[in-house]
Amino acid sequence: MVEILYITDKLIYLQLQKTGCTHISKLLSETVGGSQKTKHQYLLNYNTDKYIIGSIRNPWEWYVSLWAYGSGDKGSLKNRLTLHNPFEIIYGFFSGKINKIKNELEKPVKLWRMTYQDYKNPDCFRNWLKLIHDPNRKKDLDEGYPEHVISNFAGIMTYRYCRLYHKDFFLKENQNKIRNYNDLKKFDKTNSLLDFIIRNESLEYDLIDVLKKVGYDLDKNQIKFIHDNANIKTFKSKHFDSSYYYDKETIDLVTNSEKFIIEKYGYVPPI
């Protein structure tokens, strides 16, 4: 599998989708250099002396951003949910995996399309979020999530976090150890790849902090550049404040599914 990350001479930045990663990579490029290898994927070679960093975001806001991005007719997830994939059907046929064909043909693409119709309509978001958390629909998400044991108790954001920021997450022996939330907390303590994480809510300050930690001597112009670009985000989704979209039921869905991230980073629901 191809490694997807941003690398400088001192650090490796693992990019979790919808956590400001494109913006962070741009700031890194303009201030300390480096290069984008690929994007939103896993670090396969753990033997590195470089500082490993990631980024994170409030889960309730993350889901709104992910949905709104799709409502703007963008993103691979939106395409995967709203279209039947003929290649999956062909693969299922030739591999003898009948369930692949069945799942693809039964995918309610019209229902998914309806949830992406209007970013101004909170009901669209709520219906989308309920489908995302429906155990019967997790197979529509694909990307390895339905097959991983973590999908039995955690949401797609936690899954993406773990596959990116944990070593050996897909080893069968490790999957057998991660049966619930407490198991995941133990796994995180021993298998986390991260030396530092940038919070989306304090992105510029955290970025400056970690660059200094790894030994970059930032001058006044570099620091000013980072702060001046705080509100110039690339690929920003068009949507309202996250509190506009949630009701108690959908707040609780995220509370339960993203418990690991919420408790690890102290996030609170929208008011």
Protein backbone atom coordinates (compact mmCIF):
# COMPACT_ATOMS: atom_id res chain seq x y z
CA MET A 1 0.00 0.00 0.00
CA VAL A 2 1.27 3.47 -0.87
CA GLU A 3 2.35 5.71 1.98
CA ILE A 4 0.39 8.96 2.08
CA LEU A 5 1.86 11.76 4.15
CA TYR A 6 3.81 15.03 4.18
CA ILE A 7 7.54 14.86 4.95
CA THR A 8 10.08 17.50 5.91
CA ASP A 9 13.70 16.99 6.96
CA LYS A 10 12.64 16.80 10.61
CA LEU A 11 9.07 15.47 10.73
CA ILE A 12 6.40 13.28 9.16
CA TYR A 13 2.86 14.63 9.10
CA LEU A 14 0.12 11.97 8.86
CA GLN A 15 -3.01 13.52 7.39
CA LEU A 16 -6.45 12.73 8.76
CA GLN A 17 -9.11 13.96 6.36
CA LYS A 18 -11.18 17.04 7.37
CA THR A 19 -8.82 18.08 10.19
CA GLY A 20 -7.17 20.96 8.32
CA CYS A 21 -4.53 18.70 6.77
CA THR A 22 -4.38 20.43 3.37
CA HIS A 23 -3.97 23.78 5.11
CA ILE A 24 -1.30 22.42 7.46
CA SER A 25 0.64 20.90 4.57
CA LYS A 26 0.53 24.21 2.72
CA LEU A 27 1.86 26.06 5.78
CA LEU A 28 4.63 23.49 6.17
CA SER A 29 5.56 23.86 2.52
CA GLU A 30 5.74 27.65 2.73
CA THR A 31 7.66 27.84 6.02
CA VAL A 32 9.99 24.83 6.35
CA GLY A 33 9.73 23.06 3.00
CA GLY A 34 9.19 19.37 2.50
CA SER A 35 7.02 17.44 0.07
CA GLN A 36 3.62 15.81 -0.22
CA LYS A 37 4.05 12.13 -0.96
CA THR A 38 0.41 11.12 -1.16
CA LYS A 39 -2.56 11.86 1.10
CA HIS A 40 -4.92 10.39 3.78
CA GLN A 41 -3.20 7.05 4.15
CA TYR A 42 -1.03 4.94 6.42
CA LEU A 43 2.62 5.03 7.52
CA LEU A 44 4.01 1.61 6.71
CA ASN A 45 7.65 2.03 7.73
CA TYR A 46 7.76 2.68 11.48
CA ASN A 47 11.58 2.84 11.60
CA THR A 48 12.17 6.57 11.46
CA ASP A 49 14.02 9.15 13.52
CA LYS A 50 11.67 11.86 12.34
CA TYR A 51 9.05 13.38 14.64
CA ILE A 52 5.60 12.00 13.77
CA ILE A 53 2.67 14.39 14.02
CA GLY A 54 -1.02 14.28 13.17
CA SER A 55 -4.07 16.50 13.42
CA ILE A 56 -7.47 16.17 15.07
CA ARG A 57 -10.82 17.96 15.22
CA ASN A 58 -13.96 18.03 17.33
CA PRO A 59 -15.90 14.93 16.14
CA TRP A 60 -19.25 16.72 15.96
CA GLU A 61 -17.70 19.35 13.69
CA TRP A 62 -15.80 16.68 11.76
CA TYR A 63 -19.02 14.92 10.71
CA VAL A 64 -20.62 18.20 9.60
CA SER A 65 -17.54 19.04 7.54
CA LEU A 66 -17.41 15.57 5.97
CA TRP A 67 -21.10 15.71 5.04
CA ALA A 68 -20.97 19.31 3.80
CA TYR A 69 -18.01 18.49 1.58
CA GLY A 70 -20.11 15.78 -0.04
CA SER A 71 -23.08 18.14 -0.31
CA GLY A 72 -20.83 20.30 -2.45
CA ASP A 73 -20.51 17.28 -4.76
CA LYS A 74 -16.97 16.54 -3.61
CA GLY A 75 -15.17 13.67 -1.97
CA SER A 76 -14.72 9.95 -2.51
CA LEU A 77 -17.09 9.02 0.32
CA LYS A 78 -20.00 10.83 -1.32
CA ASN A 79 -19.31 9.09 -4.61
CA ARG A 80 -19.02 5.73 -2.91
CA LEU A 81 -22.35 6.13 -1.11
CA THR A 82 -24.41 7.62 -3.94
CA LEU A 83 -23.26 5.48 -6.86
CA HIS A 84 -23.26 1.77 -7.60
CA ASN A 85 -19.70 0.69 -8.30
CA PRO A 86 -19.56 -1.74 -11.24
CA PHE A 87 -15.97 -2.68 -10.37
CA GLU A 88 -17.11 -4.00 -6.98
CA ILE A 89 -19.69 -6.15 -8.75
CA ILE A 90 -17.12 -7.44 -11.25
CA TYR A 91 -14.62 -8.09 -8.44
CA GLY A 92 -17.26 -9.97 -6.46
CA PHE A 93 -18.12 -12.07 -9.49
CA PHE A 94 -14.55 -13.12 -10.33
CA SER A 95 -13.46 -13.56 -6.71
CA GLY A 96 -16.53 -15.59 -5.82
CA LYS A 97 -17.46 -13.11 -3.09
CA ILE A 98 -21.20 -13.05 -3.63
CA ASN A 99 -21.71 -10.78 -0.62
CA LYS A 100 -19.74 -8.05 -2.43
CA ILE A 101 -22.21 -8.18 -5.32
CA LYS A 102 -25.21 -8.36 -2.99
CA ASN A 103 -24.04 -5.43 -0.87
CA GLU A 104 -23.35 -3.24 -3.88
CA LEU A 105 -26.69 -3.95 -5.52
CA GLU A 106 -28.61 -3.42 -2.27
CA LYS A 107 -26.92 -0.13 -1.44
CA PRO A 108 -29.70 2.52 -1.18
CA VAL A 109 -28.00 5.09 -3.41
CA LYS A 110 -31.16 7.18 -3.84
CA LEU A 111 -31.54 7.45 -0.08
CA TRP A 112 -27.93 8.49 0.29
CA ARG A 113 -28.33 11.08 -2.49
CA MET A 114 -31.26 12.66 -0.69
CA THR A 115 -29.11 13.29 2.38
CA TYR A 116 -26.67 15.34 0.30
CA GLN A 117 -29.28 17.56 -1.36
CA ASP A 118 -29.04 20.74 0.69
CA TYR A 119 -26.33 21.89 3.09
CA LYS A 120 -28.82 24.41 4.54
CA ASN A 121 -31.22 21.68 5.66
CA PRO A 122 -30.35 20.14 9.05
CA ASP A 123 -32.70 17.22 8.35
CA CYS A 124 -30.47 16.18 5.46
CA PHE A 125 -27.48 16.07 7.76
CA ARG A 126 -29.35 14.24 10.52
CA ASN A 127 -30.62 11.60 8.11
CA TRP A 128 -27.11 11.18 6.70
CA LEU A 129 -25.61 10.83 10.17
CA LYS A 130 -28.21 8.22 11.15
CA LEU A 131 -27.40 6.22 8.02
CA ILE A 132 -23.66 6.51 8.74
CA HIS A 133 -24.31 5.04 12.19
CA ASP A 134 -26.80 2.39 11.05
CA PRO A 135 -25.16 -1.05 11.59
CA ASN A 136 -26.97 -2.29 8.47
CA ARG A 137 -25.39 0.44 6.35
CA LYS A 138 -21.79 0.37 7.57
CA LYS A 139 -20.98 -1.94 4.66
CA ASP A 140 -21.76 0.99 2.33
CA LEU A 141 -18.83 2.92 3.83
CA ASP A 142 -16.31 0.31 2.73
CA GLU A 143 -12.59 1.34 3.11
CA GLY A 144 -12.08 -1.68 5.38
CA TYR A 145 -14.31 -0.33 8.14
CA PRO A 146 -17.12 -2.94 8.01
CA GLU A 147 -14.63 -5.81 8.23
CA HIS A 148 -12.64 -4.42 11.15
CA VAL A 149 -13.73 -5.38 14.66
CA ILE A 150 -13.66 -1.72 15.70
CA SER A 151 -16.79 -1.06 13.63
CA ASN A 152 -18.77 -3.01 16.24
CA PHE A 153 -18.37 -0.25 18.82
CA ALA A 154 -16.77 2.83 17.22
CA GLY A 155 -17.52 5.22 14.37
CA ILE A 156 -15.80 5.89 11.08
CA MET A 157 -13.79 8.81 12.49
CA THR A 158 -12.25 6.64 15.21
CA TYR A 159 -11.54 3.96 12.60
CA ARG A 160 -9.76 6.45 10.34
CA TYR A 161 -7.85 7.84 13.32
CA CYS A 162 -6.67 4.39 14.38
CA ARG A 163 -5.68 3.10 10.95
CA LEU A 164 -3.59 6.22 10.41
CA TYR A 165 -2.11 6.91 13.85
CA HIS A 166 -1.60 3.38 15.21
CA LYS A 167 1.01 0.86 14.17
CA ASP A 168 -0.06 -2.67 13.23
CA PHE A 169 -3.75 -1.75 13.44
CA PHE A 170 -4.73 -4.33 10.83
CA LEU A 171 -2.83 -7.27 12.25
CA LYS A 172 -5.31 -10.04 13.06
CA GLU A 173 -3.74 -10.63 16.45
CA ASN A 174 -4.29 -6.97 17.35
CA GLN A 175 -7.87 -6.97 16.09
CA ASN A 176 -8.53 -9.87 18.42
CA LYS A 177 -7.40 -7.65 21.31
CA ILE A 178 -9.65 -4.69 20.45
CA ARG A 179 -13.16 -5.79 21.36
CA ASN A 180 -14.42 -2.69 23.17
CA TYR A 181 -13.61 0.88 24.17
CA ASN A 182 -11.35 -0.10 27.08
CA ASP A 183 -9.38 -2.45 24.85
CA LEU A 184 -8.88 0.38 22.37
CA LYS A 185 -7.56 2.68 25.11
CA LYS A 186 -4.98 0.04 26.06
CA PHE A 187 -4.02 -0.48 22.43
CA ASP A 188 -3.56 3.26 21.97
CA LYS A 189 -1.08 3.42 24.85
CA THR A 190 1.23 0.86 23.28
CA ASN A 191 0.69 1.36 19.55
CA SER A 192 0.29 5.09 18.98
CA LEU A 193 2.67 6.51 16.37
CA LEU A 194 2.18 10.13 17.36
CA ASP A 195 4.73 12.37 19.03
CA PHE A 196 2.45 15.40 18.74
CA ILE A 197 -1.03 16.23 17.49
CA ILE A 198 -2.31 19.53 16.10
CA ARG A 199 -5.81 20.48 17.18
CA ASN A 200 -7.87 22.10 14.45
CA GLU A 201 -9.18 24.57 17.02
CA SER A 202 -5.69 25.90 17.78
CA LEU A 203 -4.06 24.93 14.52
CA GLU A 204 -1.66 27.83 14.00
CA TYR A 205 -0.42 27.93 17.61
CA ASP A 206 0.05 24.15 17.72
CA LEU A 207 1.88 24.14 14.39
CA ILE A 208 4.31 26.82 15.55
CA ASP A 209 4.79 24.93 18.82
CA VAL A 210 5.67 21.62 17.16
CA LEU A 211 7.95 23.22 14.59
CA LYS A 212 9.94 24.77 17.43
CA LYS A 213 9.96 21.44 19.31
CA VAL A 214 11.57 19.61 16.39
CA GLY A 215 14.25 22.27 15.99
CA TYR A 216 13.06 24.78 13.43
CA ASP A 217 14.21 28.32 14.24
CA LEU A 218 11.20 30.22 12.93
CA ASP A 219 11.74 33.91 12.25
CA LYS A 220 9.14 36.68 12.71
CA ASN A 221 8.06 36.54 9.07
CA GLN A 222 7.42 32.78 9.17
CA ILE A 223 5.36 33.06 12.35
CA LYS A 224 3.44 36.02 10.91
CA PHE A 225 2.76 34.06 7.72
CA ILE A 226 1.25 31.18 9.67
CA HIS A 227 -1.02 33.46 11.69
CA ASP A 228 -1.98 35.62 8.70
CA ASN A 229 -3.22 32.53 6.88
CA ALA A 230 -5.37 31.30 9.78
CA ASN A 231 -8.64 32.01 7.98
CA ILE A 232 -7.50 31.12 4.48
CA LYS A 233 -8.34 27.41 4.47
CA THR A 234 -8.06 25.27 1.35
CA PHE A 235 -11.07 23.12 0.38
CA LYS A 236 -13.23 24.63 3.11
CA SER A 237 -16.70 23.06 3.19
CA LYS A 238 -19.71 25.33 2.79
CA HIS A 239 -21.86 24.94 5.90
CA PHE A 240 -23.23 26.66 8.99
CA ASP A 241 -21.96 26.31 12.55
CA SER A 242 -22.21 22.69 13.69
CA SER A 243 -24.77 23.54 16.40
CA TYR A 244 -27.25 24.37 13.62
CA TYR A 245 -27.37 20.76 12.42
CA TYR A 246 -27.57 18.71 15.59
CA ASP A 247 -30.43 17.65 17.82
CA LYS A 248 -30.17 15.50 20.95
CA GLU A 249 -30.45 12.22 19.06
CA THR A 250 -27.63 13.01 16.64
CA ILE A 251 -25.44 14.52 19.36
CA ASP A 252 -25.80 11.24 21.26
CA LEU A 253 -24.91 9.20 18.17
CA VAL A 254 -21.53 10.93 17.91
CA THR A 255 -21.05 10.88 21.70
CA ASN A 256 -21.30 7.09 21.66
CA SER A 257 -19.48 6.29 18.43
CA GLU A 258 -16.53 8.66 18.91
CA LYS A 259 -16.11 8.19 22.66
CA PHE A 260 -12.42 7.35 22.25
CA ILE A 261 -11.52 10.63 20.52
CA ILE A 262 -13.91 12.72 22.63
CA GLU A 263 -12.45 11.53 25.92
CA LYS A 264 -8.83 11.42 24.75
CA TYR A 265 -8.90 15.04 23.60
CA GLY A 266 -11.60 16.48 25.86
CA TYR A 267 -14.06 17.52 23.17
CA VAL A 268 -17.57 18.69 24.01
CA PRO A 269 -20.75 18.67 21.88
CA PRO A 270 -22.12 21.78 20.16
CA ILE A 271 -24.34 23.96 22.34
